[in-house]
Structure formats: C-alpha cells, structure tokens
C-alpha cells in the first residue's frame, strides 16, 4: 500500500499519467492524439526520403529507397515487438503502484535495446546484398539499394533505442514528450535531406545518413529526459543491465509480439519479392503506396498504443470494467478513422501517388493497388485494435497465432497459387484485404467469447 501511495503522490512525475482514474474516453483521446502526431512525423522520416530522392535522383533511386520499407521492417520488427512487451510490463506495474519493478523493468529494457541495436547493425550491414537478391530486386536498382540499406543499418542502434525510449514513456502515460522529440528530429531529417541531396548533390546513401543522424538526435533528447533526477522513471546508467526476472517477464509478453511482427514482415517481404519481379516501375509504385498507406495507418497505431497502455494500467490495478470500456472505445475509434481515411485514399489515389513520381506507369500501378485495398482499411484497423487489446491484457500469444496463420501462411499460400495461375499483379494486391477480412472474423469471435480481461491473473 505504501508503494502505491508513493506513485500516486510525490514520486509521480508531471510527465507521467495515471490512466486508472478519470474519464476513460477523454484520457485515451488525450493520450492517443500526441501519439497520432508522433506517428505522423515518424512517417515523415521515410516519406521525406522518398519525396526528395524521387525529385533529386530519379526513379531508380526512388525504387531503391521505397523498396526498403519491407526489408527494414523485417529486420527491426522482432526487436520492436519484444519492446512492446516491456511497455506492457511497465504499464502493469505502474498501474499497480509498484515503483521498484517499474525502475527495474526500465533498466532491463534499455539493456535489451542496446544489445538489439548492436546485433541489428552487424546483421543488417553484412547481409544486405543477400536480402536484396532474395527479394528479386531489379538489377538496375540493386547498387543504390545496397548503398542505402547499408548506411541505414549502420544507424540501427539509434533506430532501436528511440523506439525503446518512446515505449518507456508511453507506458508511463507520457505521449507528449516523444512527440516533441520526434517533431524536432523529423524537421532535422528533412533539412539534412535537402542539404545532402539538393545542395551537395550526394547519392542515395546520404538520405540514409540524414535519417540516422536525425534518429540519433531524438535518442539524445529522450535519454536526457530519462536521466533527470527525482522521477519514478529516472535512469541510472550504471544500473542498465538485465534483471533476469524482469527480462523473462518482458520476453513472456513481448516475444509473441516480436514473432507476430516478424511473420507479418516476412509475408510482406514475400509480397515485395513478387512485386519486384514486375520491374522497377512496379517496385516504385508499391513502395510509394506503402508510404501513403503508412499515413492511413496512423489512427490505428495511435489508438492501439493508447489502448495497450490504458488496459495494462487498469488491469494491473484490477479495474476490469474500466478496461473493457477502453477497449470498446479504442476499437471503434480506430475502425471509423481508418475507414474514413481509406475512402479519401480511394478517391485521391492518382494525386497521392503523383506526389512522389509522375511516371505514368508508376501512377497506374499505385492507383490500382490503392483502389484495391483502401476501402478495406476498417478491417485492418479492427484486427490491429483487438490485437492491441490482447497485448495490453497479457494475451500476446493470441494475435501471434492469428497473424502467423492468416497474415503469413495463408497470405503466402494465396500469392504462390495465384501467381502460378495468372501473371496479373492485381491478384497480389488482393492478398491484403482478403487476409484482413479473415483475421477480423477470428478476432471478433475471440473478443466476444473469450476471457481476455484476466490475462495477468492467470499468468502463473
């Protein structure tokens, strides 16, 4: 009881937010909006690269940069998914008022981030050509793609550590400071892109360097905040190490999310490799559409992150009915917003694709994909929203199984079959809405009929 009172009283920082008290809807909206803006500026990292590279260096360079999304996601998804487990653990102990465990979890996940960043750097730099060849990258694009990837992966530590720090702050209910830091780094990224590409006339590698420098700047700002004295989240550099019990708990809740992200990324790499076989115009269009879809995905991501934190804190405090209210609201909000954006993407697809590349063939491919998938964004939102509920409740194994079976095995099987039957790229585009719909049905059944609210109660 005394520890609980410590967190609710003087030890509770102004930059953390207890989501176990107050109006759940206003709390979630207030928490989600900064995340939404953060995700917007996060998209600006790669979008600025794509836009400026396309304008300054041409279609080959654009294809090299835009085709990077699936490979980069594959490489970092496991580590980022596992970091989600840390957020769940931190949120749970914060909601329960256990300050000691909050601190130990934070120092453990920072150690995990440093180790992950080092591993990702070595693997990414060493195996870039192998990955790109496996993805059937167009030979014309290959030299610039290798160049871009290798410089990008040299900054893996900054990429991982920013996401770790953001996860820590979000878990404590602070979604504003990550927004401020990301706005700064996004603007820095754009300025460096323009400086390196438009002024100094550097190659495509410079776009990756600009991103790495910007991410490193955001990490520096995050760590400066976490190192502040007198807060429950205060980091002591000497205490950054693996605490076995917390590491096992983080892995328990985070490993399924990491595997889930990896299998989705793996399926997307298979899709990308099939797209690449249609040539550089299809590559550029697919990558460009991915940028646009990334923006459409923002409300889903923001409400999902708010939902996971809200549910973890409230289930940690034993407030089950309040957690259910938050889950219903976040699912509904994500679906409505995603579907509204999907309609806009469908209508304005030619103009959105044209922002990045005016090549008629690129626009043709991009519009076809957008108008296949956009009206089904609501299904995508629903699947991810229920997955976020499961993660927040300590049930991360459930979305892992659903994503593995539907978004990986079924999606890949579908693509292999239809590509043997027909050479029409349009059937590849349909792989997404079909699997979104199937997973949504399964998630709906689980959400309505299974006891997800007692996930932490039955952990042992």
Protein backbone atom coordinates (compact mmCIF):
# COMPACT_ATOMS: atom_id res chain seq x y z
CA UNK A 1 0.00 0.00 0.00
CA UNK A 2 2.80 2.41 0.82
CA UNK A 3 4.41 1.88 -2.58
CA UNK A 4 1.08 2.51 -4.27
CA UNK A 5 0.72 5.79 -2.44
CA UNK A 6 4.25 6.77 -3.46
CA UNK A 7 3.37 6.57 -7.13
CA UNK A 8 0.12 8.44 -6.66
CA UNK A 9 1.81 11.11 -4.59
CA UNK A 10 5.09 12.94 -4.59
CA UNK A 11 7.02 10.40 -6.64
CA UNK A 12 4.64 10.74 -9.56
CA UNK A 13 6.19 12.88 -12.30
CA UNK A 14 4.22 15.55 -14.12
CA UNK A 15 5.23 13.82 -17.34
CA UNK A 16 3.58 10.51 -16.42
CA UNK A 17 -0.14 9.87 -16.46
CA UNK A 18 -2.15 7.52 -14.28
CA UNK A 19 -4.88 6.18 -16.57
CA UNK A 20 -6.71 4.30 -13.82
CA UNK A 21 -8.64 7.40 -12.74
CA UNK A 22 -10.80 9.93 -14.58
CA UNK A 23 -12.92 9.77 -17.72
CA UNK A 24 -11.53 6.84 -19.77
CA UNK A 25 -12.57 8.30 -23.14
CA UNK A 26 -11.00 11.72 -22.67
CA UNK A 27 -7.88 10.10 -21.21
CA UNK A 28 -7.48 7.81 -24.20
CA UNK A 29 -8.09 10.58 -26.73
CA UNK A 30 -5.68 12.87 -24.89
CA UNK A 31 -3.09 10.09 -24.88
CA UNK A 32 -3.72 9.00 -28.48
CA UNK A 33 -3.56 12.43 -30.12
CA UNK A 34 0.12 13.09 -29.35
CA UNK A 35 0.88 9.54 -30.50
CA UNK A 36 -1.02 10.23 -33.71
CA UNK A 37 1.07 13.31 -34.32
CA UNK A 38 4.20 11.36 -33.38
CA UNK A 39 3.35 8.69 -35.92
CA UNK A 40 2.73 11.41 -38.50
CA UNK A 41 6.21 12.80 -38.03
CA UNK A 42 7.63 9.27 -37.90
CA UNK A 43 6.24 8.75 -41.39
CA UNK A 44 7.93 11.97 -42.45
CA UNK A 45 11.30 10.28 -41.95
CA UNK A 46 10.90 7.84 -44.82
CA UNK A 47 8.41 9.93 -46.79
CA UNK A 48 10.82 12.87 -46.91
CA UNK A 49 13.50 10.49 -48.16
CA UNK A 50 11.18 9.15 -50.85
CA UNK A 51 9.93 12.56 -51.99
CA UNK A 52 13.30 14.32 -52.06
CA UNK A 53 15.13 11.30 -53.50
CA UNK A 54 12.50 10.96 -56.23
CA UNK A 55 12.77 14.62 -57.18
CA UNK A 56 16.57 14.87 -56.96
CA UNK A 57 17.83 11.45 -58.04
CA UNK A 58 15.10 9.94 -60.23
CA UNK A 59 13.02 6.75 -60.41
CA UNK A 60 15.85 4.26 -59.87
CA UNK A 61 16.85 5.91 -56.60
CA UNK A 62 13.19 6.22 -55.58
CA UNK A 63 12.69 2.50 -56.15
CA UNK A 64 15.79 1.76 -54.07
CA UNK A 65 14.55 3.84 -51.13
CA UNK A 66 10.86 2.93 -51.24
CA UNK A 67 11.58 -0.77 -51.56
CA UNK A 68 13.46 -0.55 -48.28
CA UNK A 69 10.36 -0.46 -46.11
CA UNK A 70 9.58 -4.17 -46.07
CA UNK A 71 13.18 -5.24 -45.50
CA UNK A 72 13.77 -2.69 -42.75
CA UNK A 73 10.53 -3.72 -41.05
CA UNK A 74 11.56 -7.37 -41.26
CA UNK A 75 14.92 -6.60 -39.64
CA UNK A 76 13.62 -4.45 -36.78
CA UNK A 77 10.16 -5.92 -36.22
CA UNK A 78 11.21 -8.67 -33.84
CA UNK A 79 13.09 -6.28 -31.57
CA UNK A 80 10.31 -3.69 -31.69
CA UNK A 81 7.67 -6.29 -30.93
CA UNK A 82 9.62 -7.51 -27.93
CA UNK A 83 9.92 -3.92 -26.75
CA UNK A 84 6.10 -3.81 -26.73
CA UNK A 85 6.29 -6.47 -24.04
CA UNK A 86 8.38 -4.10 -21.95
CA UNK A 87 5.71 -1.43 -22.34
CA UNK A 88 3.06 -3.85 -21.10
CA UNK A 89 5.17 -4.84 -18.09
CA UNK A 90 5.99 -1.23 -17.19
CA UNK A 91 2.34 -0.14 -17.59
CA UNK A 92 1.12 -3.03 -15.48
CA UNK A 93 3.46 -2.28 -12.56
CA UNK A 94 2.81 1.44 -12.87
CA UNK A 95 -0.94 0.79 -12.63
CA UNK A 96 -0.35 -1.48 -9.63
CA UNK A 97 1.81 1.17 -7.94
CA UNK A 98 5.00 -0.92 -7.78
CA UNK A 99 7.76 1.67 -8.20
CA UNK A 100 10.64 -0.76 -7.70
CA UNK A 101 9.51 -3.05 -10.50
CA UNK A 102 8.90 -0.09 -12.80
CA UNK A 103 12.51 1.02 -12.36
CA UNK A 104 13.95 -2.48 -12.81
CA UNK A 105 11.88 -3.03 -15.96
CA UNK A 106 13.05 0.27 -17.46
CA UNK A 107 16.73 -0.53 -16.90
CA UNK A 108 16.25 -4.05 -18.28
CA UNK A 109 14.61 -2.90 -21.48
CA UNK A 110 17.33 -0.30 -22.06
CA UNK A 111 19.91 -3.09 -21.84
CA UNK A 112 17.81 -5.09 -24.27
CA UNK A 113 17.72 -2.15 -26.69
CA UNK A 114 21.50 -1.70 -26.65
CA UNK A 115 22.09 -5.38 -27.32
CA UNK A 116 19.42 -5.49 -30.03
CA UNK A 117 20.83 -2.42 -31.79
CA UNK A 118 24.31 -3.93 -31.89
CA UNK A 119 23.03 -7.23 -33.32
CA UNK A 120 20.88 -5.48 -35.91
CA UNK A 121 23.82 -3.35 -37.08
CA UNK A 122 26.06 -6.35 -37.72
CA UNK A 123 23.40 -8.48 -39.41
CA UNK A 124 21.95 -5.63 -41.48
CA UNK A 125 25.26 -4.39 -42.85
CA UNK A 126 26.68 -7.86 -43.51
CA UNK A 127 23.68 -9.43 -45.22
CA UNK A 128 22.13 -6.53 -47.14
CA UNK A 129 23.09 -7.87 -50.63
CA UNK A 130 21.82 -11.34 -49.74
CA UNK A 131 18.45 -10.00 -48.59
CA UNK A 132 18.04 -7.83 -51.68
CA UNK A 133 18.89 -10.65 -54.05
CA UNK A 134 16.42 -12.89 -52.25
CA UNK A 135 13.77 -10.19 -52.76
CA UNK A 136 14.46 -10.24 -56.53
CA UNK A 137 15.47 -6.58 -56.56
CA UNK A 138 15.75 -5.19 -60.08
CA UNK A 139 19.44 -5.26 -61.19
CA UNK A 140 19.18 -1.60 -62.23
CA UNK A 141 18.18 -0.65 -58.71
CA UNK A 142 20.48 -3.04 -56.83
CA UNK A 143 23.63 -0.84 -56.45
CA UNK A 144 21.70 2.09 -54.97
CA UNK A 145 19.54 -0.19 -52.83
CA UNK A 146 22.62 -1.85 -51.28
CA UNK A 147 24.15 1.58 -50.69
CA UNK A 148 21.01 2.91 -48.98
CA UNK A 149 20.44 -0.16 -46.82
CA UNK A 150 23.97 -0.43 -45.51
CA UNK A 151 24.15 3.18 -44.38
CA UNK A 152 20.69 2.87 -42.85
CA UNK A 153 21.60 -0.21 -40.84
CA UNK A 154 24.77 1.46 -39.56
CA UNK A 155 22.34 3.56 -37.51
CA UNK A 156 20.39 0.60 -36.13
CA UNK A 157 21.26 1.42 -32.52
CA UNK A 158 19.62 4.84 -32.81
CA UNK A 159 16.58 3.33 -34.50
CA UNK A 160 16.07 0.71 -31.78
CA UNK A 161 16.85 2.97 -28.83
CA UNK A 162 14.42 5.68 -29.90
CA UNK A 163 11.61 3.15 -30.06
CA UNK A 164 12.64 1.71 -26.68
CA UNK A 165 12.64 5.14 -25.06
CA UNK A 166 9.30 6.00 -26.63
CA UNK A 167 7.87 2.71 -25.35
CA UNK A 168 9.04 3.52 -21.82
CA UNK A 169 7.47 6.99 -21.83
CA UNK A 170 4.23 5.81 -23.40
CA UNK A 171 3.95 3.01 -20.84
CA UNK A 172 4.04 5.64 -18.10
CA UNK A 173 1.30 7.64 -19.81
CA UNK A 174 3.59 10.27 -21.33
CA UNK A 175 2.87 10.58 -25.03
CA UNK A 176 3.72 14.27 -25.39
CA UNK A 177 7.47 14.32 -24.97
CA UNK A 178 8.07 11.63 -27.61
CA UNK A 179 6.02 13.85 -29.93
CA UNK A 180 8.17 16.91 -29.25
CA UNK A 181 11.38 14.96 -29.81
CA UNK A 182 10.07 13.38 -32.99
CA UNK A 183 8.95 16.74 -34.45
CA UNK A 184 12.46 18.05 -33.93
CA UNK A 185 14.15 15.01 -35.47
CA UNK A 186 11.73 14.92 -38.43
CA UNK A 187 12.40 18.54 -39.29
CA UNK A 188 16.12 17.88 -38.92
CA UNK A 189 15.79 14.89 -41.25
CA UNK A 190 14.10 16.99 -43.95
CA UNK A 191 16.69 19.74 -43.63
CA UNK A 192 19.56 17.24 -43.93
CA UNK A 193 17.92 15.55 -46.93
CA UNK A 194 17.71 18.88 -48.73
CA UNK A 195 21.26 19.78 -47.74
CA UNK A 196 22.84 16.48 -48.80
CA UNK A 197 20.80 15.79 -51.94
CA UNK A 198 19.70 19.15 -53.34
CA UNK A 199 22.69 21.30 -52.30
CA UNK A 200 25.68 18.92 -52.08
CA UNK A 201 24.31 16.57 -54.81
CA UNK A 202 25.21 13.43 -52.83
CA UNK A 203 24.00 9.95 -53.74
CA UNK A 204 21.16 7.92 -52.27
CA UNK A 205 23.35 6.91 -49.31
CA UNK A 206 23.05 10.46 -47.99
CA UNK A 207 19.29 10.04 -47.47
CA UNK A 208 20.02 7.13 -45.12
CA UNK A 209 22.69 9.14 -43.30
CA UNK A 210 20.22 12.01 -42.80
CA UNK A 211 17.74 9.61 -41.22
CA UNK A 212 20.35 8.07 -38.94
CA UNK A 213 21.58 11.47 -37.71
CA UNK A 214 18.00 12.57 -37.03
CA UNK A 215 17.17 9.40 -35.11
CA UNK A 216 20.34 9.76 -33.04
CA UNK A 217 19.28 13.30 -32.14
CA UNK A 218 15.90 12.07 -30.91
CA UNK A 219 17.60 9.38 -28.79
CA UNK A 220 19.81 12.02 -27.19
CA UNK A 221 16.75 14.08 -26.26
CA UNK A 222 14.91 11.04 -24.88
CA UNK A 223 17.84 9.95 -22.73
CA UNK A 224 18.36 13.48 -21.44
CA UNK A 225 14.78 13.38 -20.17
CA UNK A 226 15.01 9.87 -18.71
CA UNK A 227 18.21 10.76 -16.87
CA UNK A 228 16.51 13.59 -14.95
CA UNK A 229 16.69 13.09 -11.22
CA UNK A 230 13.75 12.72 -8.86
CA UNK A 231 11.27 10.90 -11.10
CA UNK A 232 9.98 7.34 -10.91
CA UNK A 233 11.46 6.74 -14.36
CA UNK A 234 14.90 8.19 -13.56
CA UNK A 235 17.57 6.17 -15.35
CA UNK A 236 20.94 5.48 -13.76
CA UNK A 237 23.43 4.49 -16.44
CA UNK A 238 25.26 2.21 -14.00
CA UNK A 239 22.03 0.27 -13.37
CA UNK A 240 21.37 -0.55 -17.03
CA UNK A 241 21.58 -4.33 -17.07
CA UNK A 242 19.44 -7.42 -17.47
CA UNK A 243 17.35 -8.31 -14.42
CA UNK A 244 16.53 -11.96 -15.05
CA UNK A 245 13.00 -11.97 -13.61
CA UNK A 246 12.01 -8.81 -15.50
CA UNK A 247 13.72 -9.96 -18.69
CA UNK A 248 11.74 -13.22 -18.57
CA UNK A 249 8.52 -11.29 -17.99
CA UNK A 250 9.28 -8.91 -20.84
CA UNK A 251 10.00 -11.86 -23.11
CA UNK A 252 6.81 -13.57 -21.93
CA UNK A 253 4.66 -10.65 -23.06
CA UNK A 254 6.91 -9.30 -25.79
CA UNK A 255 8.20 -12.37 -27.60
CA UNK A 256 4.79 -13.20 -29.13
CA UNK A 257 4.52 -9.61 -30.38
CA UNK A 258 8.02 -9.83 -31.81
CA UNK A 259 7.20 -13.08 -33.58
CA UNK A 260 3.92 -11.58 -34.80
CA UNK A 261 5.69 -8.57 -36.28
CA UNK A 262 8.32 -10.79 -37.84
CA UNK A 263 5.85 -13.11 -39.57
CA UNK A 264 3.91 -10.12 -40.91
CA UNK A 265 7.17 -8.62 -42.14
CA UNK A 266 8.23 -11.95 -43.65
CA UNK A 267 4.93 -12.20 -45.53
CA UNK A 268 5.37 -8.64 -46.76
CA UNK A 269 8.89 -9.46 -47.99
CA UNK A 270 7.42 -12.36 -49.97
CA UNK A 271 4.87 -9.97 -51.45
CA UNK A 272 7.63 -7.44 -52.17
CA UNK A 273 9.71 -10.09 -53.94
CA UNK A 274 6.73 -10.92 -56.16
CA UNK A 275 6.19 -7.22 -56.88
CA UNK A 276 9.88 -6.80 -57.70
CA UNK A 277 9.56 -9.42 -60.44
CA UNK A 278 7.33 -6.96 -62.34
CA UNK A 279 10.18 -4.44 -62.66
CA UNK A 280 11.26 -1.11 -61.23
CA UNK A 281 8.02 0.75 -62.07
CA UNK A 282 6.01 -1.74 -60.02
CA UNK A 283 8.63 -1.52 -57.25
CA UNK A 284 8.42 2.26 -57.12
CA UNK A 285 4.61 2.17 -57.13
CA UNK A 286 4.40 -0.48 -54.41
CA UNK A 287 6.86 1.38 -52.20
CA UNK A 288 5.10 4.68 -52.79
CA UNK A 289 1.74 3.16 -51.91
CA UNK A 290 3.30 1.79 -48.73
CA UNK A 291 4.21 5.35 -47.74
CA UNK A 292 0.65 6.52 -48.33
CA UNK A 293 -0.80 3.53 -46.50
CA UNK A 294 1.54 4.29 -43.64
CA UNK A 295 -0.24 7.60 -43.15
CA UNK A 296 -3.63 5.90 -43.37
CA UNK A 297 -2.47 3.52 -40.64
CA UNK A 298 -1.70 6.36 -38.21
CA UNK A 299 -5.05 6.46 -36.35
CA UNK A 300 -4.90 2.69 -35.96
CA UNK A 301 -1.43 2.82 -34.45
CA UNK A 302 -2.15 5.74 -32.15
CA UNK A 303 -5.33 4.31 -30.66
CA UNK A 304 -3.72 0.88 -30.40
CA UNK A 305 -0.82 2.23 -28.37
CA UNK A 306 -3.20 4.21 -26.16
CA UNK A 307 -5.37 1.14 -25.75
CA UNK A 308 -2.49 -1.14 -24.78
CA UNK A 309 -1.23 1.30 -22.13
CA UNK A 310 -4.74 2.00 -20.81
CA UNK A 311 -5.64 -1.68 -20.50
CA UNK A 312 -2.31 -2.68 -18.96
CA UNK A 313 -2.53 0.02 -16.30
CA UNK A 314 -6.17 -0.70 -15.45
CA UNK A 315 -5.83 -4.48 -15.37
CA UNK A 316 -2.74 -4.00 -13.20
CA UNK A 317 -4.98 -2.01 -10.84
CA UNK A 318 -7.74 -4.64 -11.05
CA UNK A 319 -10.24 -2.32 -12.81
CA UNK A 320 -11.74 -4.80 -15.27
CA UNK A 321 -14.90 -2.93 -16.29
CA UNK A 322 -12.89 0.20 -16.98
CA UNK A 323 -10.51 -1.80 -19.18
CA UNK A 324 -13.48 -3.15 -21.16
CA UNK A 325 -14.80 0.38 -21.76
CA UNK A 326 -11.40 1.49 -23.02
CA UNK A 327 -11.15 -1.50 -25.35
CA UNK A 328 -14.56 -0.84 -26.94
CA UNK A 329 -13.80 2.82 -27.46
CA UNK A 330 -10.35 2.31 -28.99
CA UNK A 331 -11.57 -0.36 -31.41
CA UNK A 332 -14.48 1.80 -32.59
CA UNK A 333 -12.33 4.92 -32.96
CA UNK A 334 -9.61 3.11 -34.92
CA UNK A 335 -12.08 1.49 -37.33
CA UNK A 336 -14.05 4.67 -38.06
CA UNK A 337 -10.98 6.82 -38.60
CA UNK A 338 -9.23 4.23 -40.75
CA UNK A 339 -12.27 3.71 -42.97
CA UNK A 340 -12.74 7.45 -43.45
CA UNK A 341 -9.11 7.81 -44.49
CA UNK A 342 -9.46 4.78 -46.76
CA UNK A 343 -12.28 6.46 -48.67
CA UNK A 344 -10.11 9.54 -49.14
CA UNK A 345 -7.21 7.39 -50.37
CA UNK A 346 -9.50 5.68 -52.87
CA UNK A 347 -10.77 8.97 -54.28
CA UNK A 348 -7.46 10.84 -54.40
CA UNK A 349 -5.14 7.92 -55.24
CA UNK A 350 -3.80 9.36 -58.55
CA UNK A 351 -2.85 12.63 -56.90
CA UNK A 352 -1.28 10.95 -53.86
CA UNK A 353 0.88 8.63 -55.96
CA UNK A 354 1.79 11.52 -58.25
CA UNK A 355 3.25 13.47 -55.35
CA UNK A 356 6.17 11.01 -55.34
CA UNK A 357 6.53 10.11 -59.00
CA UNK A 358 4.83 11.49 -62.13
CA UNK A 359 5.82 8.50 -64.29
CA UNK A 360 2.52 7.27 -65.84
CA UNK A 361 3.30 3.60 -65.28
CA UNK A 362 4.15 4.17 -61.61
CA UNK A 363 0.89 6.03 -61.11
CA UNK A 364 -1.03 3.28 -62.89
CA UNK A 365 0.37 0.55 -60.64
CA UNK A 366 0.00 2.65 -57.49
CA UNK A 367 -3.61 3.65 -58.16
CA UNK A 368 -4.58 0.07 -58.89
CA UNK A 369 -3.19 -1.10 -55.56
CA UNK A 370 -4.70 1.81 -53.61
CA UNK A 371 -8.15 1.23 -55.05
CA UNK A 372 -7.93 -2.47 -54.26
CA UNK A 373 -7.05 -2.04 -50.58
CA UNK A 374 -8.22 1.39 -49.37
CA UNK A 375 -11.90 0.62 -48.78
CA UNK A 376 -10.92 -2.28 -46.52
CA UNK A 377 -8.81 -0.27 -44.08
CA UNK A 378 -11.55 -0.72 -41.47
CA UNK A 379 -10.85 -4.45 -41.40
CA UNK A 380 -7.14 -3.81 -40.99
CA UNK A 381 -7.92 -1.43 -38.14
CA UNK A 382 -10.18 -3.91 -36.38
CA UNK A 383 -7.60 -6.70 -36.47
CA UNK A 384 -4.85 -4.50 -35.10
CA UNK A 385 -7.12 -2.94 -32.47
CA UNK A 386 -8.16 -6.27 -30.99
CA UNK A 387 -4.51 -7.39 -31.14
CA UNK A 388 -3.63 -4.29 -29.07
CA UNK A 389 -6.30 -5.23 -26.52
CA UNK A 390 -4.80 -8.72 -26.25
CA UNK A 391 -1.28 -7.34 -25.77
CA UNK A 392 -2.44 -4.95 -23.06
CA UNK A 393 -4.11 -7.85 -21.26
CA UNK A 394 -1.02 -10.05 -21.37
CA UNK A 395 -2.52 -12.25 -24.11
CA UNK A 396 0.05 -11.53 -26.83
CA UNK A 397 0.16 -15.20 -27.80
CA UNK A 398 -3.33 -14.90 -29.33
CA UNK A 399 -2.57 -12.27 -32.01
CA UNK A 400 0.72 -14.04 -32.73
CA UNK A 401 -1.13 -17.25 -33.64
CA UNK A 402 -3.75 -15.42 -35.71
CA UNK A 403 -1.19 -13.35 -37.61
CA UNK A 404 1.07 -16.35 -38.19
CA UNK A 405 -1.71 -18.49 -39.62
CA UNK A 406 -3.62 -15.85 -41.61
CA UNK A 407 -1.28 -12.95 -42.44
CA UNK A 408 1.72 -15.18 -43.09
CA UNK A 409 0.85 -18.77 -44.05
CA UNK A 410 -2.47 -18.07 -45.76
CA UNK A 411 -1.28 -14.87 -47.46
CA UNK A 412 1.87 -16.50 -48.85
CA UNK A 413 -0.05 -19.59 -49.96
CA UNK A 414 -2.60 -17.42 -51.75
CA UNK A 415 0.10 -15.46 -53.57
CA UNK A 416 2.01 -18.57 -54.65
CA UNK A 417 -1.17 -20.16 -56.00
CA UNK A 418 -2.50 -17.12 -57.88
CA UNK A 419 0.89 -16.30 -59.37
CA UNK A 420 1.10 -19.80 -60.80
CA UNK A 421 -2.39 -19.48 -62.24
CA UNK A 422 -2.05 -15.94 -63.57
CA UNK A 423 0.61 -13.29 -64.04
CA UNK A 424 -1.69 -10.39 -63.12
CA UNK A 425 -0.21 -8.17 -60.41
CA UNK A 426 -3.71 -7.22 -59.29
CA UNK A 427 -4.13 -10.59 -57.57
CA UNK A 428 -1.15 -9.79 -55.36
CA UNK A 429 -2.82 -6.58 -54.27
CA UNK A 430 -5.92 -8.55 -53.22
CA UNK A 431 -3.85 -10.65 -50.78
CA UNK A 432 -4.15 -7.87 -48.20
CA UNK A 433 -7.91 -7.21 -47.96
CA UNK A 434 -8.67 -10.94 -48.15
CA UNK A 435 -6.44 -11.78 -45.19
CA UNK A 436 -7.57 -8.67 -43.26
CA UNK A 437 -11.15 -9.88 -43.54
CA UNK A 438 -10.41 -13.42 -42.39
CA UNK A 439 -8.36 -12.28 -39.39
CA UNK A 440 -11.09 -9.80 -38.40
CA UNK A 441 -13.67 -12.58 -38.18
CA UNK A 442 -11.37 -14.64 -35.94
CA UNK A 443 -10.56 -11.65 -33.73
CA UNK A 444 -14.24 -10.79 -33.36
CA UNK A 445 -15.02 -14.29 -32.13
CA UNK A 446 -12.15 -14.19 -29.65
CA UNK A 447 -13.01 -10.71 -28.38
CA UNK A 448 -16.68 -11.56 -27.80
CA UNK A 449 -16.41 -15.03 -26.34
CA UNK A 450 -13.03 -15.36 -24.58
CA UNK A 451 -11.93 -14.07 -21.16
CA UNK A 452 -9.15 -11.67 -22.14
CA UNK A 453 -9.55 -9.39 -19.09
CA UNK A 454 -7.95 -11.88 -16.67
CA UNK A 455 -4.75 -12.42 -18.65
CA UNK A 456 -2.46 -11.22 -15.85
CA UNK A 457 -4.40 -13.13 -13.19
CA UNK A 458 -3.61 -16.47 -14.83
CA UNK A 459 -0.02 -15.82 -15.82
CA UNK A 460 1.39 -18.42 -13.46
